[in-house]
Amino acid sequence: MRLGRMLVLAVALAAGQAGAQEYFGDMRPDAPELAARGPLKVGVRTLVAEHQDQLDILHANAEQPNPRYTRKLVLEVWYPAQLAAGQNEHTVYTDVLGSGPNDPKRPNTPFQFNGRAVRDAAPAAQGGYPLVIVSHGYPGSRLQMSYLTENLASKGYVVVAIDHLESTRADKAGFASTLLNRRLDDLFVLDTVAAWAKPGSGNVLAGLVDANNTALIGYSMGGYGALNTVGAGVSAAAAAYVPGGKLAINQQGNQQYEAARDARIKAVVAFAPWGGAHKVWDDAGLAGVRTPLLFISGDQDDVAGYQDGVKQLFQKTVHAERYLLTYAGGRHNSAPNPPSPAHWSNADDFSSYSEPVWDSRRINNINQHFVTAFLGIQLKQQRLQAYLDLPPLQADGTIKEDTGLWLGFPKRAALGLEWRHLPAQ
């Protein structure tokens, strides 16, 4: 037993040393073509947006059914930058381990990891870059998909990742807040960035970003929120999941909800979106989505569900053009960075980022490839459709004569993946 612990410690220490200069998102030798970083230099800044006079659902009760508060949302913003002489694309991000405050088994402990971006760099001289809003899981953080956010910024997007209040690893609180506020946070951040983008606003994003050309990327509860934002109104039964029926504000058929559809949102990438297996939506609610969708999931997802979860969402969003990328044998962690060396000290922290049978770095590269193609088509009208018009290669373990049939993949490198496409009805 002691020898086993020593071996685990040795592996963890080796990982720490190897990871000291690691940058998440760098290409493996077998990475697909579009995973490559773009030509632009990347800056990163931390901004704050405050959404005032919001329902404080976690403190609502019979005596005070409508308490109000300000939701302070910390935002990480990646953007095309112009670097001064001697500036190198390097920064250090600080996040936290754990699953919320006051958990003695998984205390909120800070950890750091490297990024390929320049903190507070000057923005690029030109503007008009499409906006991508990123929404994490429950709990999660704005930093947990930096491999993708940096990559997209290098390709000419302004990427804004939200720390959703009461839903991060640092401040996790009651689930009702996450159910209620994801759509409201997404739309508020879109409105806020649009205001910041106006010439003369005084914000660093003034003139840099085109908020009329926006995509949402959501992971798990972030995927739930993204779908809810673009027209998947929750069912009447699901409205009861939040005390006092307050989730009715996000309910299919509610006129206020229907009026809040935002034409500026042109695409959604939903990683392992939660809700399908939990009957959050009925068929009428899912039919309300008309925004192009890219779903990404593992077929062994035991959190969001696959056959009764993500695959059902893919099949029933019938009025949207949609794609489904499936990792055979993958569980729920199809979106985040690989585990940092700090995660090795706690099995639960490690498993909250890792995949049992997949190398997270390979997943990251594949995600970069397909998200680049999908958003390039939807937001930039780039001629990348051939990267999505793929034969439905089945992940049955059979090595075919030429698995390079998937455009952009090295020969024999698409094994373990499934691809599906359904047009809008």
Protein backbone atom coordinates (compact mmCIF):
# COMPACT_ATOMS: atom_id res chain seq x y z
CA MET A 1 0.00 0.00 0.00
CA ARG A 2 2.82 2.37 0.88
CA LEU A 3 4.54 1.57 -2.43
CA GLY A 4 1.31 2.41 -4.28
CA ARG A 5 1.09 5.81 -2.58
CA MET A 6 4.72 6.51 -3.42
CA LEU A 7 4.10 5.69 -7.06
CA VAL A 8 1.07 7.99 -7.19
CA LEU A 9 3.10 10.78 -5.60
CA ALA A 10 5.94 10.25 -8.06
CA VAL A 11 3.57 10.42 -11.02
CA ALA A 12 1.96 13.58 -9.62
CA LEU A 13 5.34 15.23 -9.11
CA ALA A 14 6.40 14.29 -12.63
CA ALA A 15 3.18 15.74 -13.98
CA GLY A 16 3.80 18.93 -12.04
CA GLN A 17 7.28 19.27 -13.49
CA ALA A 18 6.12 18.46 -17.01
CA GLY A 19 3.18 20.84 -16.71
CA ALA A 20 5.22 23.75 -15.40
CA GLN A 21 5.61 25.13 -18.94
CA GLU A 22 2.56 23.50 -20.49
CA TYR A 23 0.01 25.58 -22.35
CA PHE A 24 -3.41 23.97 -22.59
CA GLY A 25 -4.67 23.90 -26.15
CA ASP A 26 -1.34 23.41 -27.90
CA MET A 27 -1.57 20.89 -30.74
CA ARG A 28 -0.73 17.23 -30.34
CA PRO A 29 1.01 15.71 -33.38
CA ASP A 30 -2.28 13.99 -34.33
CA ALA A 31 -4.47 17.09 -33.92
CA PRO A 32 -6.96 17.85 -36.72
CA GLU A 33 -6.15 20.72 -39.04
CA LEU A 34 -8.35 23.50 -37.69
CA ALA A 35 -7.10 23.06 -34.13
CA ALA A 36 -4.08 25.14 -35.08
CA ARG A 37 -3.84 28.51 -33.42
CA GLY A 38 -4.78 31.47 -35.60
CA PRO A 39 -2.51 34.26 -36.84
CA LEU A 40 -3.53 36.95 -34.34
CA LYS A 41 -1.88 37.77 -31.04
CA VAL A 42 -4.12 37.41 -27.98
CA GLY A 43 -4.73 39.72 -25.04
CA VAL A 44 -6.75 38.95 -21.92
CA ARG A 45 -8.43 41.16 -19.33
CA THR A 46 -10.70 40.71 -16.35
CA LEU A 47 -13.78 42.95 -16.35
CA VAL A 48 -16.83 43.14 -14.10
CA ALA A 49 -20.49 43.66 -14.97
CA GLU A 50 -23.14 44.31 -12.32
CA HIS A 51 -26.74 43.33 -13.01
CA GLN A 52 -28.82 45.35 -10.61
CA ASP A 53 -32.31 44.72 -9.19
CA GLN A 54 -32.38 40.96 -9.81
CA LEU A 55 -34.50 38.42 -7.97
CA ASP A 56 -32.51 36.88 -5.10
CA ILE A 57 -34.16 33.48 -5.41
CA LEU A 58 -32.03 31.85 -2.72
CA HIS A 59 -33.44 34.22 -0.09
CA ALA A 60 -37.05 34.26 -1.28
CA ASN A 61 -39.64 33.00 1.22
CA ALA A 62 -43.30 33.40 2.10
CA GLU A 63 -42.67 36.62 4.02
CA GLN A 64 -40.36 38.08 1.37
CA PRO A 65 -41.23 36.46 -1.97
CA ASN A 66 -39.38 38.95 -4.17
CA PRO A 67 -36.07 40.01 -2.58
CA ARG A 68 -33.70 41.90 -4.88
CA TYR A 69 -29.93 42.08 -5.19
CA THR A 70 -27.12 42.97 -7.60
CA ARG A 71 -25.51 40.08 -9.47
CA LYS A 72 -21.80 40.84 -9.80
CA LEU A 73 -20.45 38.89 -12.77
CA VAL A 74 -16.69 38.60 -13.20
CA LEU A 75 -15.78 38.29 -16.88
CA GLU A 76 -12.60 37.06 -18.53
CA VAL A 77 -12.17 38.62 -21.96
CA TRP A 78 -9.81 37.30 -24.66
CA TYR A 79 -9.34 39.46 -27.76
CA PRO A 80 -7.08 40.09 -30.75
CA ALA A 81 -4.24 42.29 -29.53
CA GLN A 82 -1.29 44.32 -30.72
CA LEU A 83 1.80 43.61 -28.64
CA ALA A 84 4.59 45.96 -27.72
CA ALA A 85 8.17 45.04 -28.46
CA GLY A 86 9.33 42.30 -26.12
CA GLN A 87 5.84 41.19 -25.07
CA ASN A 88 5.32 37.43 -25.25
CA GLU A 89 2.02 35.58 -25.19
CA HIS A 90 2.19 34.31 -21.64
CA THR A 91 0.03 34.74 -18.59
CA VAL A 92 -0.76 32.78 -15.44
CA TYR A 93 -4.39 32.12 -14.53
CA THR A 94 -5.51 31.56 -10.93
CA ASP A 95 -8.55 29.37 -10.33
CA VAL A 96 -9.72 27.27 -7.37
CA LEU A 97 -10.11 23.58 -6.65
CA GLY A 98 -13.14 22.20 -4.89
CA SER A 99 -16.87 22.00 -5.33
CA GLY A 100 -17.99 25.07 -3.44
CA PRO A 101 -17.18 26.70 -0.10
CA ASN A 102 -17.19 24.94 3.27
CA ASP A 103 -16.50 21.45 1.97
CA PRO A 104 -13.74 19.97 4.18
CA LYS A 105 -13.20 17.06 1.77
CA ARG A 106 -12.57 19.41 -1.18
CA PRO A 107 -11.53 22.80 0.21
CA ASN A 108 -11.41 25.78 -2.13
CA THR A 109 -7.69 25.93 -2.76
CA PRO A 110 -6.15 28.27 -5.36
CA PHE A 111 -4.15 26.74 -8.20
CA GLN A 112 -2.44 28.25 -11.23
CA PHE A 113 -1.84 27.29 -14.85
CA ASN A 114 -0.30 28.92 -17.89
CA GLY A 115 -2.00 30.66 -20.77
CA ARG A 116 -0.92 31.91 -24.18
CA ALA A 117 -2.19 35.48 -23.86
CA VAL A 118 -0.87 38.84 -22.69
CA ARG A 119 -2.53 40.30 -19.62
CA ASP A 120 -4.05 43.75 -20.36
CA ALA A 121 -2.48 43.97 -23.82
CA ALA A 122 -3.56 46.76 -26.14
CA PRO A 123 -6.44 45.69 -28.40
CA ALA A 124 -5.90 45.22 -32.12
CA ALA A 125 -6.15 48.34 -34.25
CA GLN A 126 -8.96 46.98 -36.38
CA GLY A 127 -12.38 46.04 -35.02
CA GLY A 128 -15.64 44.34 -35.85
CA TYR A 129 -14.72 40.93 -34.43
CA PRO A 130 -17.65 38.58 -33.69
CA LEU A 131 -18.53 38.00 -30.03
CA VAL A 132 -18.46 34.60 -28.32
CA ILE A 133 -19.99 34.32 -24.83
CA VAL A 134 -18.86 31.30 -22.77
CA SER A 135 -20.86 29.83 -19.89
CA HIS A 136 -19.38 27.24 -17.51
CA GLY A 137 -20.87 24.25 -15.70
CA TYR A 138 -22.22 23.96 -12.13
CA PRO A 139 -19.89 24.46 -10.43
CA GLY A 140 -17.21 25.73 -12.77
CA SER A 141 -15.38 28.90 -13.67
CA ARG A 142 -14.76 31.36 -16.47
CA LEU A 143 -11.25 29.92 -16.87
CA GLN A 144 -12.01 26.23 -17.32
CA MET A 145 -12.02 26.31 -21.15
CA SER A 146 -9.00 28.57 -21.73
CA TYR A 147 -7.64 26.14 -24.37
CA LEU A 148 -10.65 27.10 -26.52
CA THR A 149 -11.11 30.76 -25.57
CA GLU A 150 -7.49 31.63 -26.40
CA ASN A 151 -7.67 29.65 -29.63
CA LEU A 152 -10.78 31.48 -30.83
CA ALA A 153 -9.35 34.90 -29.97
CA SER A 154 -6.30 34.08 -32.11
CA LYS A 155 -8.70 33.48 -35.01
CA GLY A 156 -10.46 36.83 -34.76
CA TYR A 157 -13.15 36.61 -32.09
CA VAL A 158 -13.71 38.52 -28.88
CA VAL A 159 -14.44 35.85 -26.27
CA VAL A 160 -16.16 36.72 -22.98
CA ALA A 161 -16.38 33.99 -20.33
CA ILE A 162 -18.70 34.52 -17.36
CA ASP A 163 -18.27 33.60 -13.72
CA HIS A 164 -21.94 33.01 -12.93
CA LEU A 165 -22.63 34.18 -9.38
CA GLU A 166 -23.51 31.36 -6.93
CA SER A 167 -22.47 28.78 -9.54
CA THR A 168 -18.65 28.73 -9.48
CA ARG A 169 -16.34 26.44 -7.54
CA ALA A 170 -15.56 29.38 -5.27
CA ASP A 171 -19.14 30.40 -4.39
CA LYS A 172 -21.42 27.47 -5.23
CA ALA A 173 -24.87 27.91 -3.69
CA GLY A 174 -28.40 26.62 -4.22
CA PHE A 175 -29.19 25.08 -7.62
CA ALA A 176 -32.28 27.25 -8.05
CA SER A 177 -30.06 30.24 -8.78
CA THR A 178 -28.32 28.43 -11.63
CA LEU A 179 -31.62 27.25 -13.14
CA LEU A 180 -33.10 30.73 -13.03
CA ASN A 181 -30.17 32.96 -13.92
CA ARG A 182 -28.20 31.37 -16.75
CA ARG A 183 -30.37 32.83 -19.53
CA LEU A 184 -30.65 36.17 -17.73
CA ASP A 185 -26.87 36.36 -17.23
CA ASP A 186 -26.18 35.49 -20.88
CA LEU A 187 -28.49 38.20 -22.20
CA PHE A 188 -27.24 40.79 -19.70
CA VAL A 189 -23.63 40.14 -20.68
CA LEU A 190 -24.57 40.42 -24.36
CA ASP A 191 -26.26 43.79 -23.71
CA THR A 192 -23.33 44.96 -21.58
CA VAL A 193 -20.70 44.05 -24.16
CA ALA A 194 -22.80 45.70 -26.88
CA ALA A 195 -22.76 48.91 -24.83
CA TRP A 196 -19.03 48.65 -24.20
CA ALA A 197 -18.46 48.08 -27.93
CA LYS A 198 -19.95 51.42 -28.95
CA PRO A 199 -17.37 53.96 -30.11
CA GLY A 200 -16.68 56.47 -27.37
CA SER A 201 -17.82 54.16 -24.55
CA GLY A 202 -14.44 54.45 -22.86
CA ASN A 203 -14.22 50.66 -22.55
CA VAL A 204 -11.31 48.68 -23.97
CA LEU A 205 -13.82 46.88 -26.23
CA ALA A 206 -15.03 50.10 -27.88
CA GLY A 207 -15.01 49.54 -31.63
CA LEU A 208 -13.41 46.12 -31.26
CA VAL A 209 -16.36 43.74 -31.11
CA ASP A 210 -19.50 43.25 -33.19
CA ALA A 211 -22.12 42.18 -30.67
CA ASN A 212 -24.71 41.88 -33.46
CA ASN A 213 -22.81 38.77 -34.53
CA THR A 214 -22.70 36.59 -31.42
CA ALA A 215 -22.39 32.91 -30.50
CA LEU A 216 -22.98 31.20 -27.16
CA ILE A 217 -20.77 28.36 -25.93
CA GLY A 218 -22.10 26.52 -22.90
CA TYR A 219 -20.93 23.51 -20.94
CA SER A 220 -23.34 21.39 -18.88
CA MET A 221 -25.51 23.96 -17.08
CA GLY A 222 -24.00 26.50 -19.44
CA GLY A 223 -25.40 24.41 -22.29
CA TYR A 224 -28.79 24.36 -20.56
CA GLY A 225 -28.65 28.14 -20.30
CA ALA A 226 -27.58 28.60 -23.91
CA LEU A 227 -30.47 26.49 -25.21
CA ASN A 228 -32.89 28.31 -22.92
CA THR A 229 -31.54 31.63 -24.21
CA VAL A 230 -32.20 30.81 -27.89
CA GLY A 231 -35.76 29.55 -27.54
CA ALA A 232 -35.87 26.25 -25.66
CA GLY A 233 -38.44 27.35 -23.10
CA VAL A 234 -38.70 25.07 -20.10
CA SER A 235 -41.82 23.00 -19.62
CA ALA A 236 -44.61 23.82 -17.19
CA ALA A 237 -43.52 20.87 -15.03
CA ALA A 238 -39.92 22.15 -14.91
CA ALA A 239 -41.06 25.60 -13.83
CA ALA A 240 -41.74 24.03 -10.43
CA TYR A 241 -38.03 23.20 -10.02
CA VAL A 242 -37.53 26.74 -8.69
CA PRO A 243 -39.48 27.78 -5.54
CA GLY A 244 -42.59 29.84 -6.09
CA GLY A 245 -42.80 28.93 -9.76
CA LYS A 246 -40.24 31.65 -10.51
CA LEU A 247 -38.74 29.67 -13.38
CA ALA A 248 -41.88 30.48 -15.38
CA ILE A 249 -39.97 33.54 -16.62
CA ASN A 250 -38.01 31.06 -18.78
CA GLN A 251 -41.01 28.93 -19.74
CA GLN A 252 -42.16 28.04 -23.23
CA GLY A 253 -45.33 29.97 -24.11
CA ASN A 254 -44.65 32.80 -21.67
CA GLN A 255 -45.05 35.97 -23.76
CA GLN A 256 -42.29 37.78 -21.87
CA TYR A 257 -39.95 34.86 -22.54
CA GLU A 258 -40.87 34.62 -26.20
CA ALA A 259 -40.32 38.37 -26.66
CA ALA A 260 -36.77 38.10 -25.27
CA ARG A 261 -35.41 36.08 -28.21
CA ASP A 262 -32.29 37.88 -29.37
CA ALA A 263 -31.54 37.96 -33.09
CA ARG A 264 -27.93 38.93 -32.39
CA ILE A 265 -27.21 35.31 -31.36
CA LYS A 266 -26.34 33.42 -34.53
CA ALA A 267 -25.01 30.10 -33.21
CA VAL A 268 -24.78 27.86 -30.13
CA VAL A 269 -22.15 25.29 -29.16
CA ALA A 270 -23.55 23.08 -26.38
CA PHE A 271 -21.06 20.81 -24.61
CA ALA A 272 -22.84 18.05 -22.65
CA PRO A 273 -25.91 20.26 -22.08
CA TRP A 274 -27.84 19.36 -18.94
CA GLY A 275 -31.61 19.05 -18.86
CA GLY A 276 -32.74 16.55 -21.47
CA ALA A 277 -32.59 13.51 -19.19
CA HIS A 278 -34.23 15.53 -16.41
CA LYS A 279 -37.33 16.43 -18.47
CA VAL A 280 -36.61 20.15 -18.35
CA TRP A 281 -38.06 20.54 -21.84
CA ASP A 282 -40.97 19.00 -23.68
CA ASP A 283 -41.07 18.65 -27.45
CA ALA A 284 -42.80 22.00 -27.94
CA GLY A 285 -40.12 23.79 -25.95
CA LEU A 286 -37.25 22.24 -27.92
CA ALA A 287 -39.02 23.02 -31.19
CA GLY A 288 -38.71 26.68 -30.29
CA VAL A 289 -34.98 26.73 -31.14
CA ARG A 290 -34.12 28.03 -34.60
CA THR A 291 -30.48 28.92 -34.02
CA PRO A 292 -27.83 26.63 -35.60
CA LEU A 293 -26.46 24.19 -33.01
CA LEU A 294 -23.34 22.12 -32.46
CA PHE A 295 -23.73 19.52 -29.69
CA ILE A 296 -20.61 17.82 -28.28
CA SER A 297 -20.93 14.94 -25.80
CA GLY A 298 -19.64 11.62 -24.56
CA ASP A 299 -21.92 8.64 -25.11
CA GLN A 300 -21.36 7.51 -21.50
CA ASP A 301 -22.28 10.87 -19.96
CA ASP A 302 -23.68 10.01 -16.53
CA VAL A 303 -24.44 13.63 -15.55
CA ALA A 304 -26.36 15.09 -18.49
CA GLY A 305 -27.26 11.70 -19.97
CA TYR A 306 -26.70 10.75 -23.60
CA GLN A 307 -29.36 8.45 -25.08
CA ASP A 308 -32.05 10.07 -22.92
CA GLY A 309 -30.24 13.41 -22.69
CA VAL A 310 -27.98 15.09 -25.25
CA LYS A 311 -29.02 12.84 -28.14
CA GLN A 312 -32.67 13.62 -27.45
CA LEU A 313 -31.93 17.35 -27.47
CA PHE A 314 -30.17 16.93 -30.81
CA GLN A 315 -33.08 15.01 -32.30
CA LYS A 316 -35.87 17.24 -30.99
CA THR A 317 -34.55 20.72 -31.76
CA VAL A 318 -36.26 20.12 -35.08
CA HIS A 319 -36.35 23.68 -36.40
CA ALA A 320 -32.59 24.22 -36.09
CA GLU A 321 -29.73 23.13 -38.32
CA ARG A 322 -27.72 20.95 -35.94
CA TYR A 323 -24.70 18.71 -35.60
CA LEU A 324 -23.71 16.18 -32.95
CA LEU A 325 -20.10 15.15 -32.25
CA THR A 326 -19.89 12.15 -29.92
CA TYR A 327 -16.87 10.82 -28.04
CA ALA A 328 -17.35 7.05 -27.77
CA GLY A 329 -16.66 6.03 -24.18
CA GLY A 330 -16.61 9.65 -23.07
CA ARG A 331 -18.36 10.81 -19.93
CA HIS A 332 -19.32 14.36 -18.97
CA ASN A 333 -15.99 16.21 -19.21
CA SER A 334 -15.99 16.88 -22.95
CA ALA A 335 -15.39 20.62 -22.52
CA PRO A 336 -12.80 21.63 -19.88
CA ASN A 337 -9.04 22.01 -19.80
CA PRO A 338 -7.02 18.95 -18.75
CA PRO A 339 -6.51 18.54 -14.99
CA SER A 340 -3.72 20.77 -13.72
CA PRO A 341 -1.03 19.14 -11.57
CA ALA A 342 -2.80 20.51 -8.48
CA HIS A 343 -5.82 18.30 -9.25
CA TRP A 344 -3.78 15.14 -8.67
CA SER A 345 -3.94 15.48 -4.90
CA ASN A 346 -7.68 14.80 -4.75
CA ALA A 347 -9.47 12.14 -6.78
CA ASP A 348 -12.71 14.14 -6.94
CA ASP A 349 -10.94 17.27 -8.15
CA PHE A 350 -9.09 15.20 -10.74
CA SER A 351 -12.24 13.49 -12.02
CA SER A 352 -14.06 16.81 -12.31
CA TYR A 353 -11.78 17.69 -15.24
CA SER A 354 -10.46 14.36 -16.57
CA GLU A 355 -11.94 11.66 -18.79
CA PRO A 356 -11.45 7.97 -17.90
CA VAL A 357 -10.66 6.70 -21.43
CA TRP A 358 -9.79 9.84 -23.40
CA ASP A 359 -6.75 12.10 -23.28
CA SER A 360 -8.17 15.52 -22.47
CA ARG A 361 -5.59 17.15 -24.73
CA ARG A 362 -6.88 15.17 -27.70
CA ILE A 363 -10.45 16.16 -26.83
CA ASN A 364 -9.34 19.80 -26.62
CA ASN A 365 -7.77 19.68 -30.10
CA ILE A 366 -10.83 18.02 -31.64
CA ASN A 367 -13.10 20.59 -30.02
CA GLN A 368 -10.95 23.44 -31.35
CA HIS A 369 -11.20 21.96 -34.85
CA PHE A 370 -14.98 21.55 -34.98
CA VAL A 371 -15.84 24.77 -33.11
CA THR A 372 -13.55 26.69 -35.49
CA ALA A 373 -15.37 25.26 -38.50
CA PHE A 374 -18.86 25.76 -37.06
CA LEU A 375 -18.37 29.32 -35.85
CA GLY A 376 -16.40 30.24 -38.96
CA ILE A 377 -19.42 29.25 -41.05
CA GLN A 378 -22.07 30.83 -38.83
CA LEU A 379 -20.35 34.06 -37.77
CA LYS A 380 -17.83 34.74 -40.54
CA GLN A 381 -19.35 33.04 -43.59
CA GLN A 382 -16.06 31.24 -44.11
CA ARG A 383 -15.95 28.41 -46.64
CA LEU A 384 -15.49 25.65 -44.11
CA GLN A 385 -18.61 23.56 -44.72
CA ALA A 386 -16.57 20.67 -46.10
CA TYR A 387 -15.17 20.13 -42.60
CA LEU A 388 -18.72 19.44 -41.37
CA ASP A 389 -19.99 17.46 -44.38
CA LEU A 390 -18.56 14.21 -43.08
CA PRO A 391 -19.49 10.59 -43.61
CA PRO A 392 -21.15 9.21 -40.47
CA LEU A 393 -18.13 7.25 -39.29
CA GLN A 394 -19.29 4.91 -36.53
CA ALA A 395 -17.16 4.40 -33.44
CA ASP A 396 -17.27 0.59 -33.55
CA GLY A 397 -13.55 0.03 -33.07
CA THR A 398 -13.06 -0.96 -36.73
CA ILE A 399 -10.03 0.58 -38.43
CA LYS A 400 -11.23 1.17 -41.97
CA GLU A 401 -8.98 1.25 -44.99
CA ASP A 402 -8.86 5.05 -44.86
CA THR A 403 -10.24 6.83 -41.83
CA GLY A 404 -8.83 10.04 -43.28
CA LEU A 405 -12.26 10.46 -44.88
CA TRP A 406 -12.91 13.10 -42.23
CA LEU A 407 -11.49 16.24 -43.78
CA GLY A 408 -8.73 17.77 -41.70
CA PHE A 409 -7.94 14.62 -39.69
CA PRO A 410 -4.69 12.72 -40.13
CA LYS A 411 -5.12 9.18 -41.40
CA ARG A 412 -6.52 6.81 -38.75
CA ALA A 413 -7.02 9.70 -36.27
CA ALA A 414 -10.84 9.92 -36.30
CA LEU A 415 -11.29 6.65 -34.44
CA GLY A 416 -13.59 6.85 -31.44
CA LEU A 417 -15.71 9.64 -32.85
CA GLU A 418 -19.24 9.72 -34.24
CA TRP A 419 -20.72 12.52 -36.33
CA ARG A 420 -24.37 13.25 -37.01
CA HIS A 421 -26.16 16.04 -38.85
CA LEU A 422 -29.84 16.93 -39.10
CA PRO A 423 -31.19 19.82 -41.17
CA ALA A 424 -33.80 22.23 -39.91
CA GLN A 425 -37.38 21.19 -40.69
